[in-house]
Each structure stands twice: as C-alpha cells, then as structure tokens.
Amino acid sequence: HRLLDAIFPLQLRAQFWRLLSTPARRRFQRH
C-alpha cells in the first residue's frame, strides 16, 4: 500500500486493480 500511495493518487488506485488479469478471470468473463 505504501508503494501504491507513492505511485498512484487515491482516486486512480481503483484503476490499478482493474488492470490485474489472469487466465482464470478471462475464462470467467467468457462464461
């Protein structure tokens, strides 16, 4: 969280987590 505080303003941190993707997530999206 300290690293993210330094990189992203609070209002942009949600976007960081939206970028995390895995094959399982993509399979769920296709489902």
PDB file of all heavy atoms in Angstrom:
ATOM      1  N   HIS A   1       0.825  -1.207   0.000  1.00  0.00           N
ATOM      2  CA  HIS A   1       0.000   0.000   0.000  1.00  0.00           C
ATOM      3  C   HIS A   1       0.860   1.258   0.000  1.00  0.00           C
ATOM      4  O   HIS A   1       0.474   2.270  -0.574  1.00  0.00           O
ATOM      5  CB  HIS A   1      -0.974  -0.008   1.181  1.00  0.00           C
ATOM      6  CG  HIS A   1      -0.335   0.048   2.526  1.00  0.00           C
ATOM      7  ND1 HIS A   1       0.307  -1.028   3.080  1.00  0.00           N
ATOM      8  CD2 HIS A   1      -0.250   1.054   3.425  1.00  0.00           C
ATOM      9  CE1 HIS A   1       0.761  -0.705   4.269  1.00  0.00           C
ATOM     10  NE2 HIS A   1       0.445   0.550   4.501  1.00  0.00           N
ATOM     11  N   ARG A   2       2.052   1.225   0.648  1.00  0.00           N
ATOM     12  CA  ARG A   2       2.907   2.405   0.637  1.00  0.00           C
ATOM     13  C   ARG A   2       3.444   2.669  -0.769  1.00  0.00           C
ATOM     14  O   ARG A   2       3.583   3.817  -1.194  1.00  0.00           O
ATOM     15  CB  ARG A   2       4.055   2.216   1.631  1.00  0.00           C
ATOM     16  CG  ARG A   2       3.609   2.211   3.101  1.00  0.00           C
ATOM     17  CD  ARG A   2       4.810   2.235   4.032  1.00  0.00           C
ATOM     18  NE  ARG A   2       4.394   2.276   5.426  1.00  0.00           N
ATOM     19  CZ  ARG A   2       4.185   1.202   6.163  1.00  0.00           C
ATOM     20  NH1 ARG A   2       4.342   0.005   5.637  1.00  0.00           N
ATOM     21  NH2 ARG A   2       3.810   1.305   7.426  1.00  0.00           N
ATOM     22  N   LEU A   3       3.781   1.587  -1.493  1.00  0.00           N
ATOM     23  CA  LEU A   3       4.248   1.746  -2.870  1.00  0.00           C
ATOM     24  C   LEU A   3       3.162   2.363  -3.738  1.00  0.00           C
ATOM     25  O   LEU A   3       3.409   3.281  -4.520  1.00  0.00           O
ATOM     26  CB  LEU A   3       4.676   0.387  -3.428  1.00  0.00           C
ATOM     27  CG  LEU A   3       5.106   0.371  -4.908  1.00  0.00           C
ATOM     28  CD1 LEU A   3       6.325   1.251  -5.100  1.00  0.00           C
ATOM     29  CD2 LEU A   3       5.395  -1.064  -5.347  1.00  0.00           C
ATOM     30  N   LEU A   4       1.938   1.876  -3.583  1.00  0.00           N
ATOM     31  CA  LEU A   4       0.836   2.425  -4.385  1.00  0.00           C
ATOM     32  C   LEU A   4       0.552   3.867  -4.013  1.00  0.00           C
ATOM     33  O   LEU A   4       0.215   4.691  -4.865  1.00  0.00           O
ATOM     34  CB  LEU A   4      -0.417   1.565  -4.193  1.00  0.00           C
ATOM     35  CG  LEU A   4      -0.361   0.185  -4.851  1.00  0.00           C
ATOM     36  CD1 LEU A   4      -1.612  -0.597  -4.508  1.00  0.00           C
ATOM     37  CD2 LEU A   4      -0.196   0.302  -6.343  1.00  0.00           C
ATOM     38  N   ASP A   5       0.660   4.193  -2.717  1.00  0.00           N
ATOM     39  CA  ASP A   5       0.469   5.583  -2.300  1.00  0.00           C
ATOM     40  C   ASP A   5       1.439   6.502  -3.033  1.00  0.00           C
ATOM     41  O   ASP A   5       1.099   7.627  -3.408  1.00  0.00           O
ATOM     42  CB  ASP A   5       0.705   5.723  -0.793  1.00  0.00           C
ATOM     43  CG  ASP A   5      -0.480   5.216   0.013  1.00  0.00           C
ATOM     44  OD1 ASP A   5      -1.564   5.062  -0.577  1.00  0.00           O
ATOM     45  OD2 ASP A   5      -0.306   4.957   1.210  1.00  0.00           O
ATOM     46  N   ALA A   6       2.670   6.013  -3.223  1.00  0.00           N
ATOM     47  CA  ALA A   6       3.682   6.840  -3.859  1.00  0.00           C
ATOM     48  C   ALA A   6       3.458   6.960  -5.371  1.00  0.00           C
ATOM     49  O   ALA A   6       3.788   7.975  -5.982  1.00  0.00           O
ATOM     50  CB  ALA A   6       5.069   6.257  -3.588  1.00  0.00           C
ATOM     51  N   ILE A   7       2.886   5.909  -5.983  1.00  0.00           N
ATOM     52  CA  ILE A   7       2.745   5.888  -7.445  1.00  0.00           C
ATOM     53  C   ILE A   7       1.430   6.485  -7.902  1.00  0.00           C
ATOM     54  O   ILE A   7       1.377   7.276  -8.856  1.00  0.00           O
ATOM     55  CB  ILE A   7       2.867   4.443  -7.966  1.00  0.00           C
ATOM     56  CG1 ILE A   7       4.259   3.886  -7.635  1.00  0.00           C
ATOM     57  CG2 ILE A   7       2.619   4.387  -9.460  1.00  0.00           C
ATOM     58  CD1 ILE A   7       4.430   2.440  -8.015  1.00  0.00           C
ATOM     59  N   PHE A   8       0.326   6.112  -7.234  1.00  0.00           N
ATOM     60  CA  PHE A   8      -0.997   6.479  -7.696  1.00  0.00           C
ATOM     61  C   PHE A   8      -1.691   7.417  -6.711  1.00  0.00           C
ATOM     62  O   PHE A   8      -1.689   7.139  -5.509  1.00  0.00           O
ATOM     63  CB  PHE A   8      -1.893   5.241  -7.839  1.00  0.00           C
ATOM     64  CG  PHE A   8      -1.420   4.270  -8.878  1.00  0.00           C
ATOM     65  CD1 PHE A   8      -0.955   3.026  -8.504  1.00  0.00           C
ATOM     66  CD2 PHE A   8      -1.455   4.595 -10.221  1.00  0.00           C
ATOM     67  CE1 PHE A   8      -0.522   2.125  -9.445  1.00  0.00           C
ATOM     68  CE2 PHE A   8      -1.025   3.684 -11.170  1.00  0.00           C
ATOM     69  CZ  PHE A   8      -0.558   2.449 -10.788  1.00  0.00           C
ATOM     70  N   PRO A   9      -2.309   8.487  -7.170  1.00  0.00           N
ATOM     71  CA  PRO A   9      -3.233   9.228  -6.313  1.00  0.00           C
ATOM     72  C   PRO A   9      -4.374   8.303  -5.903  1.00  0.00           C
ATOM     73  O   PRO A   9      -4.685   7.333  -6.591  1.00  0.00           O
ATOM     74  CB  PRO A   9      -3.724  10.361  -7.216  1.00  0.00           C
ATOM     75  CG  PRO A   9      -2.749  10.435  -8.333  1.00  0.00           C
ATOM     76  CD  PRO A   9      -2.204   9.052  -8.514  1.00  0.00           C
ATOM     77  N   LEU A  10      -5.012   8.620  -4.769  1.00  0.00           N
ATOM     78  CA  LEU A  10      -6.070   7.765  -4.243  1.00  0.00           C
ATOM     79  C   LEU A  10      -7.140   7.470  -5.274  1.00  0.00           C
ATOM     80  O   LEU A  10      -7.595   6.341  -5.424  1.00  0.00           O
ATOM     81  CB  LEU A  10      -6.698   8.434  -3.009  1.00  0.00           C
ATOM     82  CG  LEU A  10      -7.794   7.649  -2.295  1.00  0.00           C
ATOM     83  CD1 LEU A  10      -7.238   6.359  -1.741  1.00  0.00           C
ATOM     84  CD2 LEU A  10      -8.403   8.489  -1.189  1.00  0.00           C
ATOM     85  N   GLN A  11      -7.542   8.507  -6.062  1.00  0.00           N
ATOM     86  CA  GLN A  11      -8.656   8.305  -6.978  1.00  0.00           C
ATOM     87  C   GLN A  11      -8.304   7.415  -8.157  1.00  0.00           C
ATOM     88  O   GLN A  11      -9.185   6.941  -8.871  1.00  0.00           O
ATOM     89  CB  GLN A  11      -9.177   9.661  -7.494  1.00  0.00           C
ATOM     90  CG  GLN A  11      -8.160  10.450  -8.328  1.00  0.00           C
ATOM     91  CD  GLN A  11      -7.349  11.385  -7.469  1.00  0.00           C
ATOM     92  OE1 GLN A  11      -7.177  11.118  -6.283  1.00  0.00           O
ATOM     93  NE2 GLN A  11      -6.862  12.463  -8.046  1.00  0.00           N
ATOM     94  N   LEU A  12      -6.989   7.156  -8.383  1.00  0.00           N
ATOM     95  CA  LEU A  12      -6.591   6.313  -9.504  1.00  0.00           C
ATOM     96  C   LEU A  12      -6.266   4.884  -9.081  1.00  0.00           C
ATOM     97  O   LEU A  12      -6.081   4.018  -9.926  1.00  0.00           O
ATOM     98  CB  LEU A  12      -5.357   6.905 -10.203  1.00  0.00           C
ATOM     99  CG  LEU A  12      -5.556   8.258 -10.890  1.00  0.00           C
ATOM    100  CD1 LEU A  12      -4.266   8.683 -11.572  1.00  0.00           C
ATOM    101  CD2 LEU A  12      -6.689   8.187 -11.909  1.00  0.00           C
ATOM    102  N   ARG A  13      -6.222   4.629  -7.760  1.00  0.00           N
ATOM    103  CA  ARG A  13      -5.808   3.306  -7.318  1.00  0.00           C
ATOM    104  C   ARG A  13      -6.790   2.216  -7.741  1.00  0.00           C
ATOM    105  O   ARG A  13      -6.395   1.088  -8.017  1.00  0.00           O
ATOM    106  CB  ARG A  13      -5.654   3.288  -5.800  1.00  0.00           C
ATOM    107  CG  ARG A  13      -4.224   3.559  -5.369  1.00  0.00           C
ATOM    108  CD  ARG A  13      -4.064   3.276  -3.904  1.00  0.00           C
ATOM    109  NE  ARG A  13      -4.040   4.526  -3.169  1.00  0.00           N
ATOM    110  CZ  ARG A  13      -4.311   4.615  -1.890  1.00  0.00           C
ATOM    111  NH1 ARG A  13      -4.654   3.555  -1.214  1.00  0.00           N
ATOM    112  NH2 ARG A  13      -4.272   5.774  -1.286  1.00  0.00           N
ATOM    113  N   ALA A  14      -8.082   2.548  -7.801  1.00  0.00           N
ATOM    114  CA  ALA A  14      -9.055   1.551  -8.223  1.00  0.00           C
ATOM    115  C   ALA A  14      -8.738   1.048  -9.626  1.00  0.00           C
ATOM    116  O   ALA A  14      -8.925  -0.126  -9.939  1.00  0.00           O
ATOM    117  CB  ALA A  14     -10.472   2.131  -8.181  1.00  0.00           C
ATOM    118  N   GLN A  15      -8.253   1.944 -10.482  1.00  0.00           N
ATOM    119  CA  GLN A  15      -7.940   1.542 -11.843  1.00  0.00           C
ATOM    120  C   GLN A  15      -6.796   0.523 -11.860  1.00  0.00           C
ATOM    121  O   GLN A  15      -6.746  -0.352 -12.736  1.00  0.00           O
ATOM    122  CB  GLN A  15      -7.561   2.767 -12.678  1.00  0.00           C
ATOM    123  CG  GLN A  15      -8.657   3.811 -12.760  1.00  0.00           C
ATOM    124  CD  GLN A  15      -9.948   3.249 -13.329  1.00  0.00           C
ATOM    125  OE1 GLN A  15      -9.922   2.480 -14.285  1.00  0.00           O
ATOM    126  NE2 GLN A  15     -11.073   3.614 -12.738  1.00  0.00           N
ATOM    127  N   PHE A  16      -5.866   0.618 -10.917  1.00  0.00           N
ATOM    128  CA  PHE A  16      -4.761  -0.335 -10.841  1.00  0.00           C
ATOM    129  C   PHE A  16      -5.289  -1.755 -10.719  1.00  0.00           C
ATOM    130  O   PHE A  16      -4.835  -2.676 -11.402  1.00  0.00           O
ATOM    131  CB  PHE A  16      -3.860   0.015  -9.661  1.00  0.00           C
ATOM    132  CG  PHE A  16      -2.800  -1.024  -9.356  1.00  0.00           C
ATOM    133  CD1 PHE A  16      -1.591  -1.013 -10.009  1.00  0.00           C
ATOM    134  CD2 PHE A  16      -3.043  -2.005  -8.401  1.00  0.00           C
ATOM    135  CE1 PHE A  16      -0.626  -1.965  -9.721  1.00  0.00           C
ATOM    136  CE2 PHE A  16      -2.078  -2.957  -8.112  1.00  0.00           C
ATOM    137  CZ  PHE A  16      -0.869  -2.938  -8.774  1.00  0.00           C
ATOM    138  N   TRP A  17      -6.265  -1.939  -9.841  1.00  0.00           N
ATOM    139  CA  TRP A  17      -6.783  -3.288  -9.603  1.00  0.00           C
ATOM    140  C   TRP A  17      -7.619  -3.793 -10.764  1.00  0.00           C
ATOM    141  O   TRP A  17      -7.738  -4.999 -10.968  1.00  0.00           O
ATOM    142  CB  TRP A  17      -7.590  -3.300  -8.305  1.00  0.00           C
ATOM    143  CG  TRP A  17      -6.710  -3.006  -7.137  1.00  0.00           C
ATOM    144  CD1 TRP A  17      -6.536  -1.795  -6.521  1.00  0.00           C
ATOM    145  CD2 TRP A  17      -5.823  -3.902  -6.482  1.00  0.00           C
ATOM    146  NE1 TRP A  17      -5.607  -1.898  -5.521  1.00  0.00           N
ATOM    147  CE2 TRP A  17      -5.151  -3.177  -5.471  1.00  0.00           C
ATOM    148  CE3 TRP A  17      -5.537  -5.261  -6.651  1.00  0.00           C
ATOM    149  CZ2 TRP A  17      -4.219  -3.761  -4.640  1.00  0.00           C
ATOM    150  CZ3 TRP A  17      -4.605  -5.843  -5.815  1.00  0.00           C
ATOM    151  CH2 TRP A  17      -3.962  -5.092  -4.820  1.00  0.00           C
ATOM    152  N   ARG A  18      -8.146  -2.891 -11.578  1.00  0.00           N
ATOM    153  CA  ARG A  18      -8.908  -3.301 -12.747  1.00  0.00           C
ATOM    154  C   ARG A  18      -7.999  -3.877 -13.830  1.00  0.00           C
ATOM    155  O   ARG A  18      -8.461  -4.616 -14.693  1.00  0.00           O
ATOM    156  CB  ARG A  18      -9.684  -2.113 -13.314  1.00  0.00           C
ATOM    157  CG  ARG A  18     -10.765  -1.585 -12.400  1.00  0.00           C
ATOM    158  CD  ARG A  18     -11.243  -0.208 -12.834  1.00  0.00           C
ATOM    159  NE  ARG A  18     -11.812  -0.239 -14.154  1.00  0.00           N
ATOM    160  CZ  ARG A  18     -13.080  -0.536 -14.417  1.00  0.00           C
ATOM    161  NH1 ARG A  18     -13.881  -0.829 -13.432  1.00  0.00           N
ATOM    162  NH2 ARG A  18     -13.536  -0.535 -15.636  1.00  0.00           N
ATOM    163  N   LEU A  19      -6.725  -3.541 -13.785  1.00  0.00           N
ATOM    164  CA  LEU A  19      -5.793  -3.996 -14.805  1.00  0.00           C
ATOM    165  C   LEU A  19      -5.253  -5.400 -14.517  1.00  0.00           C
ATOM    166  O   LEU A  19      -4.674  -6.026 -15.399  1.00  0.00           O
ATOM    167  CB  LEU A  19      -4.614  -3.015 -14.921  1.00  0.00           C
ATOM    168  CG  LEU A  19      -4.985  -1.595 -15.360  1.00  0.00           C
ATOM    169  CD1 LEU A  19      -3.749  -0.712 -15.338  1.00  0.00           C
ATOM    170  CD2 LEU A  19      -5.609  -1.592 -16.745  1.00  0.00           C
ATOM    171  N   LEU A  20      -5.413  -5.858 -13.273  1.00  0.00           N
ATOM    172  CA  LEU A  20      -4.923  -7.185 -12.923  1.00  0.00           C
ATOM    173  C   LEU A  20      -5.802  -8.242 -13.584  1.00  0.00           C
ATOM    174  O   LEU A  20      -7.011  -8.285 -13.357  1.00  0.00           O
ATOM    175  CB  LEU A  20      -4.933  -7.374 -11.401  1.00  0.00           C
ATOM    176  CG  LEU A  20      -4.013  -6.444 -10.609  1.00  0.00           C
ATOM    177  CD1 LEU A  20      -4.135  -6.770  -9.131  1.00  0.00           C
ATOM    178  CD2 LEU A  20      -2.581  -6.568 -11.063  1.00  0.00           C
ATOM    179  N   SER A  21      -5.214  -9.078 -14.403  1.00  0.00           N
ATOM    180  CA  SER A  21      -5.992 -10.076 -15.118  1.00  0.00           C
ATOM    181  C   SER A  21      -5.236 -11.396 -15.121  1.00  0.00           C
ATOM    182  O   SER A  21      -4.006 -11.426 -15.153  1.00  0.00           O
ATOM    183  CB  SER A  21      -6.272  -9.623 -16.558  1.00  0.00           C
ATOM    184  OG  SER A  21      -7.078 -10.565 -17.225  1.00  0.00           O
ATOM    185  N   THR A  22      -5.958 -12.471 -15.055  1.00  0.00           N
ATOM    186  CA  THR A  22      -5.376 -13.801 -15.100  1.00  0.00           C
ATOM    187  C   THR A  22      -6.177 -14.633 -16.094  1.00  0.00           C
ATOM    188  O   THR A  22      -7.305 -14.279 -16.446  1.00  0.00           O
ATOM    189  CB  THR A  22      -5.439 -14.473 -13.716  1.00  0.00           C
ATOM    190  OG1 THR A  22      -6.820 -14.685 -13.382  1.00  0.00           O
ATOM    191  CG2 THR A  22      -4.767 -13.616 -12.649  1.00  0.00           C
ATOM    192  N   PRO A  23      -5.617 -15.739 -16.560  1.00  0.00           N
ATOM    193  CA  PRO A  23      -6.396 -16.612 -17.465  1.00  0.00           C
ATOM    194  C   PRO A  23      -7.730 -17.041 -16.857  1.00  0.00           C
ATOM    195  O   PRO A  23      -8.735 -17.115 -17.557  1.00  0.00           O
ATOM    196  CB  PRO A  23      -5.455 -17.802 -17.683  1.00  0.00           C
ATOM    197  CG  PRO A  23      -4.086 -17.226 -17.515  1.00  0.00           C
ATOM    198  CD  PRO A  23      -4.224 -16.187 -16.431  1.00  0.00           C
ATOM    199  N   ALA A  24      -7.742 -17.320 -15.530  1.00  0.00           N
ATOM    200  CA  ALA A  24      -8.997 -17.735 -14.894  1.00  0.00           C
ATOM    201  C   ALA A  24     -10.034 -16.622 -14.944  1.00  0.00           C
ATOM    202  O   ALA A  24     -11.226 -16.874 -15.170  1.00  0.00           O
ATOM    203  CB  ALA A  24      -8.736 -18.145 -13.447  1.00  0.00           C
ATOM    204  N   ARG A  25      -9.586 -15.379 -14.723  1.00  0.00           N
ATOM    205  CA  ARG A  25     -10.517 -14.244 -14.807  1.00  0.00           C
ATOM    206  C   ARG A  25     -11.076 -14.118 -16.219  1.00  0.00           C
ATOM    207  O   ARG A  25     -12.264 -13.857 -16.408  1.00  0.00           O
ATOM    208  CB  ARG A  25      -9.815 -12.961 -14.390  1.00  0.00           C
ATOM    209  CG  ARG A  25      -9.512 -12.842 -12.910  1.00  0.00           C
ATOM    210  CD  ARG A  25      -8.793 -11.549 -12.600  1.00  0.00           C
ATOM    211  NE  ARG A  25      -8.434 -11.458 -11.193  1.00  0.00           N
ATOM    212  CZ  ARG A  25      -9.240 -10.999 -10.240  1.00  0.00           C
ATOM    213  NH1 ARG A  25     -10.445 -10.564 -10.568  1.00  0.00           N
ATOM    214  NH2 ARG A  25      -8.845 -10.950  -8.988  1.00  0.00           N
ATOM    215  N   ARG A  26     -10.212 -14.268 -17.193  1.00  0.00           N
ATOM    216  CA  ARG A  26     -10.685 -14.138 -18.579  1.00  0.00           C
ATOM    217  C   ARG A  26     -11.652 -15.259 -18.941  1.00  0.00           C
ATOM    218  O   ARG A  26     -12.624 -15.036 -19.673  1.00  0.00           O
ATOM    219  CB  ARG A  26      -9.486 -14.112 -19.521  1.00  0.00           C
ATOM    220  CG  ARG A  26      -8.645 -12.821 -19.392  1.00  0.00           C
ATOM    221  CD  ARG A  26      -7.645 -12.685 -20.507  1.00  0.00           C
ATOM    222  NE  ARG A  26      -6.561 -13.660 -20.405  1.00  0.00           N
ATOM    223  CZ  ARG A  26      -5.446 -13.471 -19.714  1.00  0.00           C
ATOM    224  NH1 ARG A  26      -5.264 -12.340 -19.046  1.00  0.00           N
ATOM    225  NH2 ARG A  26      -4.500 -14.399 -19.700  1.00  0.00           N
ATOM    226  N   ARG A  27     -11.394 -16.466 -18.428  1.00  0.00           N
ATOM    227  CA  ARG A  27     -12.341 -17.568 -18.669  1.00  0.00           C
ATOM    228  C   ARG A  27     -13.684 -17.251 -18.032  1.00  0.00           C
ATOM    229  O   ARG A  27     -14.742 -17.546 -18.602  1.00  0.00           O
ATOM    230  CB  ARG A  27     -11.781 -18.874 -18.111  1.00  0.00           C
ATOM    231  CG  ARG A  27     -10.670 -19.479 -18.947  1.00  0.00           C
ATOM    232  CD  ARG A  27     -10.410 -20.919 -18.552  1.00  0.00           C
ATOM    233  NE  ARG A  27      -9.956 -21.045 -17.177  1.00  0.00           N
ATOM    234  CZ  ARG A  27      -8.672 -21.000 -16.808  1.00  0.00           C
ATOM    235  NH1 ARG A  27      -7.732 -20.817 -17.721  1.00  0.00           N
ATOM    236  NH2 ARG A  27      -8.333 -21.127 -15.533  1.00  0.00           N
ATOM    237  N   PHE A  28     -13.665 -16.661 -16.822  1.00  0.00           N
ATOM    238  CA  PHE A  28     -14.914 -16.295 -16.149  1.00  0.00           C
ATOM    239  C   PHE A  28     -15.668 -15.244 -16.961  1.00  0.00           C
ATOM    240  O   PHE A  28     -16.891 -15.318 -17.104  1.00  0.00           O
ATOM    241  CB  PHE A  28     -14.617 -15.771 -14.744  1.00  0.00           C
ATOM    242  CG  PHE A  28     -15.836 -15.385 -13.967  1.00  0.00           C
ATOM    243  CD1 PHE A  28     -16.708 -16.343 -13.480  1.00  0.00           C
ATOM    244  CD2 PHE A  28     -16.127 -14.046 -13.724  1.00  0.00           C
ATOM    245  CE1 PHE A  28     -17.834 -15.990 -12.757  1.00  0.00           C
ATOM    246  CE2 PHE A  28     -17.258 -13.680 -13.008  1.00  0.00           C
ATOM    247  CZ  PHE A  28     -18.113 -14.655 -12.513  1.00  0.00           C
ATOM    248  N   GLN A  29     -14.952 -14.286 -17.495  1.00  0.00           N
ATOM    249  CA  GLN A  29     -15.597 -13.264 -18.323  1.00  0.00           C
ATOM    250  C   GLN A  29     -16.258 -13.890 -19.541  1.00  0.00           C
ATOM    251  O   GLN A  29     -17.384 -13.525 -19.909  1.00  0.00           O
ATOM    252  CB  GLN A  29     -14.560 -12.219 -18.753  1.00  0.00           C
ATOM    253  CG  GLN A  29     -14.101 -11.310 -17.620  1.00  0.00           C
ATOM    254  CD  GLN A  29     -12.959 -10.415 -18.025  1.00  0.00           C
ATOM    255  OE1 GLN A  29     -12.003 -10.850 -18.673  1.00  0.00           O
ATOM    256  NE2 GLN A  29     -13.046  -9.146 -17.658  1.00  0.00           N
ATOM    257  N   ARG A  30     -15.574 -14.850 -20.171  1.00  0.00           N
ATOM    258  CA  ARG A  30     -16.168 -15.516 -21.335  1.00  0.00           C
ATOM    259  C   ARG A  30     -17.400 -16.313 -20.934  1.00  0.00           C
ATOM    260  O   ARG A  30     -18.397 -16.359 -21.666  1.00  0.00           O
ATOM    261  CB  ARG A  30     -15.132 -16.418 -22.003  1.00  0.00           C
ATOM    262  CG  ARG A  30     -14.014 -15.652 -22.713  1.00  0.00           C
ATOM    263  CD  ARG A  30     -13.230 -16.561 -23.630  1.00  0.00           C
ATOM    264  NE  ARG A  30     -12.487 -17.576 -22.897  1.00  0.00           N
ATOM    265  CZ  ARG A  30     -11.253 -17.420 -22.440  1.00  0.00           C
ATOM    266  NH1 ARG A  30     -10.600 -16.280 -22.648  1.00  0.00           N
ATOM    267  NH2 ARG A  30     -10.643 -18.401 -21.794  1.00  0.00           N
ATOM    268  N   HIS A  31     -17.349 -16.926 -19.733  1.00  0.00           N
ATOM    269  CA  HIS A  31     -18.517 -17.662 -19.241  1.00  0.00           C
ATOM    270  C   HIS A  31     -19.716 -16.729 -19.048  1.00  0.00           C
ATOM    271  O   HIS A  31     -20.849 -17.079 -19.414  1.00  0.00           O
ATOM    272  CB  HIS A  31     -18.174 -18.354 -17.923  1.00  0.00           C
ATOM    273  CG  HIS A  31     -19.372 -18.826 -17.159  1.00  0.00           C
ATOM    274  ND1 HIS A  31     -20.157 -19.879 -17.563  1.00  0.00           N
ATOM    275  CD2 HIS A  31     -19.946 -18.354 -16.000  1.00  0.00           C
ATOM    276  CE1 HIS A  31     -21.148 -20.048 -16.705  1.00  0.00           C
ATOM    277  NE2 HIS A  31     -21.038 -19.144 -15.750  1.00  0.00           N
TER     278      HIS A  31
END
